[in-house]
Amino acid sequence: MTLTSRAELTVKTARPDVVAGALSPELAEKIPRTKVVVEKRDGEVRIVIEADDQNALRAALNSYIRWTNVAEETAKEAGRR
């Protein structure tokens, strides 16, 4: 596979362990024509997506943005209880 498109997304969060942990099951499910790396850092989660083409990149990026948002919002709600 020759990867030609790349996107990096850095999400600042008070809960990098929770967000990265929530994304880990998605890493096991391969998105066609893509390679994804999730790195947890101090106060942020970095997501790097490489894809064969722009369509695959867009699909993967949209999915990871949505999953990251759900993880962050769920962690916020759980912290309020």
N, C-alpha and C. Protein backbone atom coordinates (compact mmCIF):
# COMPACT_ATOMS: atom_id res chain seq x y z
N MET A 1 0.85 -1.17 0.00
CA MET A 1 0.00 0.00 0.00
C MET A 1 0.90 1.24 0.00
N THR A 2 0.70 2.12 -0.92
CA THR A 2 1.41 3.39 -0.97
C THR A 2 0.49 4.47 -0.42
N LEU A 3 0.85 5.03 0.72
CA LEU A 3 0.01 6.04 1.35
C LEU A 3 0.41 7.41 0.81
N THR A 4 -0.59 8.16 0.35
CA THR A 4 -0.30 9.43 -0.30
C THR A 4 -0.89 10.64 0.41
N SER A 5 -1.83 10.44 1.32
CA SER A 5 -2.47 11.55 2.02
C SER A 5 -2.25 11.38 3.51
N ARG A 6 -2.10 12.52 4.20
CA ARG A 6 -1.80 12.46 5.63
C ARG A 6 -2.49 13.60 6.35
N ALA A 7 -2.98 13.31 7.55
CA ALA A 7 -3.56 14.34 8.41
C ALA A 7 -3.12 14.07 9.84
N GLU A 8 -2.87 15.14 10.57
CA GLU A 8 -2.55 15.04 11.99
C GLU A 8 -3.57 15.86 12.75
N LEU A 9 -4.09 15.27 13.81
CA LEU A 9 -5.08 15.93 14.65
C LEU A 9 -4.57 15.87 16.08
N THR A 10 -4.45 17.04 16.73
CA THR A 10 -4.05 17.10 18.12
C THR A 10 -5.21 17.65 18.92
N VAL A 11 -5.64 16.88 19.92
CA VAL A 11 -6.78 17.26 20.74
C VAL A 11 -6.27 17.55 22.15
N LYS A 12 -6.46 18.77 22.59
CA LYS A 12 -6.10 19.12 23.96
C LYS A 12 -7.24 18.66 24.86
N THR A 13 -6.87 17.93 25.93
CA THR A 13 -7.88 17.39 26.81
C THR A 13 -7.33 17.20 28.22
N ALA A 14 -8.18 17.33 29.20
CA ALA A 14 -7.80 17.06 30.58
C ALA A 14 -7.78 15.56 30.84
N ARG A 15 -8.26 14.78 29.88
CA ARG A 15 -8.40 13.34 30.05
C ARG A 15 -7.72 12.55 28.92
N PRO A 16 -6.44 12.75 28.67
CA PRO A 16 -5.80 12.05 27.55
C PRO A 16 -5.83 10.53 27.69
N ASP A 17 -5.74 10.02 28.93
CA ASP A 17 -5.79 8.57 29.12
C ASP A 17 -7.14 8.01 28.69
N VAL A 18 -8.20 8.70 29.08
CA VAL A 18 -9.55 8.24 28.75
C VAL A 18 -9.80 8.30 27.25
N VAL A 19 -9.45 9.42 26.64
CA VAL A 19 -9.70 9.59 25.21
C VAL A 19 -8.88 8.59 24.39
N ALA A 20 -7.60 8.46 24.68
CA ALA A 20 -6.76 7.50 23.95
C ALA A 20 -7.25 6.08 24.19
N GLY A 21 -7.64 5.78 25.42
CA GLY A 21 -8.16 4.44 25.72
C GLY A 21 -9.44 4.14 24.98
N ALA A 22 -10.29 5.14 24.84
CA ALA A 22 -11.55 4.94 24.12
C ALA A 22 -11.32 4.72 22.62
N LEU A 23 -10.24 5.28 22.10
CA LEU A 23 -9.94 5.11 20.67
C LEU A 23 -9.23 3.81 20.37
N SER A 24 -8.64 3.17 21.38
CA SER A 24 -7.84 1.96 21.12
C SER A 24 -8.63 0.82 20.47
N PRO A 25 -9.90 0.56 20.83
CA PRO A 25 -10.61 -0.49 20.11
C PRO A 25 -10.79 -0.18 18.62
N GLU A 26 -10.89 1.11 18.30
CA GLU A 26 -11.05 1.49 16.89
C GLU A 26 -9.78 1.21 16.09
N LEU A 27 -8.63 1.25 16.76
CA LEU A 27 -7.37 0.96 16.07
C LEU A 27 -7.31 -0.49 15.62
N ALA A 28 -7.96 -1.37 16.37
CA ALA A 28 -7.97 -2.79 16.01
C ALA A 28 -8.83 -3.04 14.77
N GLU A 29 -9.83 -2.19 14.57
CA GLU A 29 -10.69 -2.30 13.39
C GLU A 29 -10.08 -1.46 12.28
N LYS A 30 -9.56 -2.10 11.31
CA LYS A 30 -8.88 -1.38 10.22
C LYS A 30 -9.88 -0.66 9.33
N ILE A 31 -9.62 0.61 9.10
CA ILE A 31 -10.40 1.37 8.13
C ILE A 31 -9.71 1.14 6.78
N PRO A 32 -10.46 0.72 5.77
CA PRO A 32 -9.83 0.41 4.48
C PRO A 32 -8.96 1.55 3.96
N ARG A 33 -7.79 1.18 3.44
CA ARG A 33 -6.86 2.09 2.76
C ARG A 33 -6.24 3.13 3.69
N THR A 34 -6.22 2.85 5.00
CA THR A 34 -5.64 3.82 5.94
C THR A 34 -4.73 3.15 6.96
N LYS A 35 -3.88 3.97 7.56
CA LYS A 35 -3.06 3.58 8.70
C LYS A 35 -3.23 4.69 9.73
N VAL A 36 -3.53 4.32 10.98
CA VAL A 36 -3.80 5.31 12.02
C VAL A 36 -2.92 5.02 13.24
N VAL A 37 -2.35 6.10 13.79
CA VAL A 37 -1.57 6.02 15.02
C VAL A 37 -2.17 7.01 16.02
N VAL A 38 -2.39 6.54 17.25
CA VAL A 38 -2.88 7.41 18.32
C VAL A 38 -1.82 7.46 19.41
N GLU A 39 -1.40 8.67 19.76
CA GLU A 39 -0.39 8.86 20.80
C GLU A 39 -0.96 9.72 21.92
N LYS A 40 -0.77 9.26 23.13
CA LYS A 40 -1.21 10.00 24.31
C LYS A 40 -0.02 10.81 24.80
N ARG A 41 -0.25 12.10 25.04
CA ARG A 41 0.80 12.99 25.56
C ARG A 41 0.24 13.73 26.76
N ASP A 42 1.07 14.52 27.39
CA ASP A 42 0.64 15.31 28.54
C ASP A 42 -0.39 16.33 28.11
N GLY A 43 -1.63 16.12 28.48
CA GLY A 43 -2.68 17.08 28.18
C GLY A 43 -3.23 17.06 26.77
N GLU A 44 -2.85 16.04 25.98
CA GLU A 44 -3.37 15.97 24.62
C GLU A 44 -3.27 14.56 24.06
N VAL A 45 -4.03 14.36 23.00
CA VAL A 45 -3.99 13.11 22.23
C VAL A 45 -3.70 13.50 20.78
N ARG A 46 -2.72 12.84 20.19
CA ARG A 46 -2.33 13.11 18.81
C ARG A 46 -2.75 11.93 17.95
N ILE A 47 -3.45 12.21 16.88
CA ILE A 47 -3.93 11.19 15.95
C ILE A 47 -3.32 11.48 14.58
N VAL A 48 -2.61 10.51 14.03
CA VAL A 48 -2.00 10.64 12.72
C VAL A 48 -2.67 9.63 11.80
N ILE A 49 -3.19 10.12 10.69
CA ILE A 49 -3.87 9.26 9.73
C ILE A 49 -3.17 9.39 8.39
N GLU A 50 -2.79 8.25 7.82
CA GLU A 50 -2.23 8.20 6.48
C GLU A 50 -3.16 7.34 5.64
N ALA A 51 -3.40 7.75 4.41
CA ALA A 51 -4.36 7.05 3.57
C ALA A 51 -3.90 6.99 2.12
N ASP A 52 -4.48 6.05 1.40
CA ASP A 52 -4.18 5.88 -0.02
C ASP A 52 -4.66 7.07 -0.85
N ASP A 53 -5.77 7.67 -0.43
CA ASP A 53 -6.37 8.73 -1.23
C ASP A 53 -7.15 9.68 -0.33
N GLN A 54 -7.59 10.79 -0.91
CA GLN A 54 -8.30 11.82 -0.15
C GLN A 54 -9.63 11.32 0.42
N ASN A 55 -10.34 10.47 -0.30
CA ASN A 55 -11.62 9.96 0.19
C ASN A 55 -11.43 9.11 1.44
N ALA A 56 -10.44 8.23 1.43
CA ALA A 56 -10.17 7.39 2.60
C ALA A 56 -9.71 8.25 3.77
N LEU A 57 -8.89 9.26 3.50
CA LEU A 57 -8.42 10.16 4.54
C LEU A 57 -9.59 10.91 5.17
N ARG A 58 -10.46 11.45 4.36
CA ARG A 58 -11.63 12.19 4.86
C ARG A 58 -12.51 11.30 5.72
N ALA A 59 -12.77 10.08 5.26
CA ALA A 59 -13.63 9.16 6.01
C ALA A 59 -13.02 8.82 7.37
N ALA A 60 -11.73 8.52 7.37
CA ALA A 60 -11.06 8.17 8.62
C ALA A 60 -11.00 9.37 9.56
N LEU A 61 -10.67 10.53 9.04
CA LEU A 61 -10.58 11.74 9.85
C LEU A 61 -11.94 12.07 10.48
N ASN A 62 -12.99 12.01 9.70
CA ASN A 62 -14.33 12.26 10.23
C ASN A 62 -14.68 11.27 11.34
N SER A 63 -14.35 10.01 11.14
CA SER A 63 -14.64 8.99 12.16
C SER A 63 -13.88 9.27 13.44
N TYR A 64 -12.58 9.54 13.33
CA TYR A 64 -11.78 9.77 14.54
C TYR A 64 -12.17 11.06 15.24
N ILE A 65 -12.56 12.08 14.53
CA ILE A 65 -13.05 13.31 15.17
C ILE A 65 -14.33 13.01 15.95
N ARG A 66 -15.23 12.28 15.35
CA ARG A 66 -16.49 11.93 16.01
C ARG A 66 -16.24 11.07 17.25
N TRP A 67 -15.41 10.03 17.13
CA TRP A 67 -15.12 9.14 18.26
C TRP A 67 -14.41 9.89 19.38
N THR A 68 -13.51 10.80 19.03
CA THR A 68 -12.80 11.58 20.04
C THR A 68 -13.78 12.48 20.78
N ASN A 69 -14.68 13.10 20.07
CA ASN A 69 -15.68 13.97 20.69
C ASN A 69 -16.57 13.17 21.64
N VAL A 70 -17.01 12.00 21.22
CA VAL A 70 -17.86 11.16 22.08
C VAL A 70 -17.10 10.76 23.34
N ALA A 71 -15.84 10.37 23.20
CA ALA A 71 -15.04 9.98 24.36
C ALA A 71 -14.87 11.14 25.34
N GLU A 72 -14.58 12.32 24.81
CA GLU A 72 -14.39 13.50 25.66
C GLU A 72 -15.69 13.87 26.38
N GLU A 73 -16.79 13.89 25.67
CA GLU A 73 -18.07 14.25 26.28
C GLU A 73 -18.51 13.22 27.31
N THR A 74 -18.28 11.95 27.04
CA THR A 74 -18.64 10.90 27.98
C THR A 74 -17.79 11.01 29.25
N ALA A 75 -16.50 11.28 29.10
CA ALA A 75 -15.62 11.45 30.26
C ALA A 75 -16.05 12.65 31.10
N LYS A 76 -16.46 13.73 30.45
CA LYS A 76 -16.93 14.91 31.18
C LYS A 76 -18.16 14.57 32.00
N GLU A 77 -19.12 13.89 31.38
CA GLU A 77 -20.35 13.51 32.08
C GLU A 77 -20.07 12.58 33.24
N ALA A 78 -19.19 11.61 33.03
CA ALA A 78 -18.86 10.67 34.11
C ALA A 78 -18.17 11.38 35.26
N GLY A 79 -17.39 12.40 34.96
CA GLY A 79 -16.70 13.15 36.00
C GLY A 79 -17.62 14.03 36.83
N ARG A 80 -18.77 14.32 36.30
CA ARG A 80 -19.74 15.18 37.02
C ARG A 80 -20.53 14.39 38.04
N ARG A 81 -20.48 13.09 37.96
CA ARG A 81 -21.32 12.27 38.87
C ARG A 81 -20.56 11.79 40.05
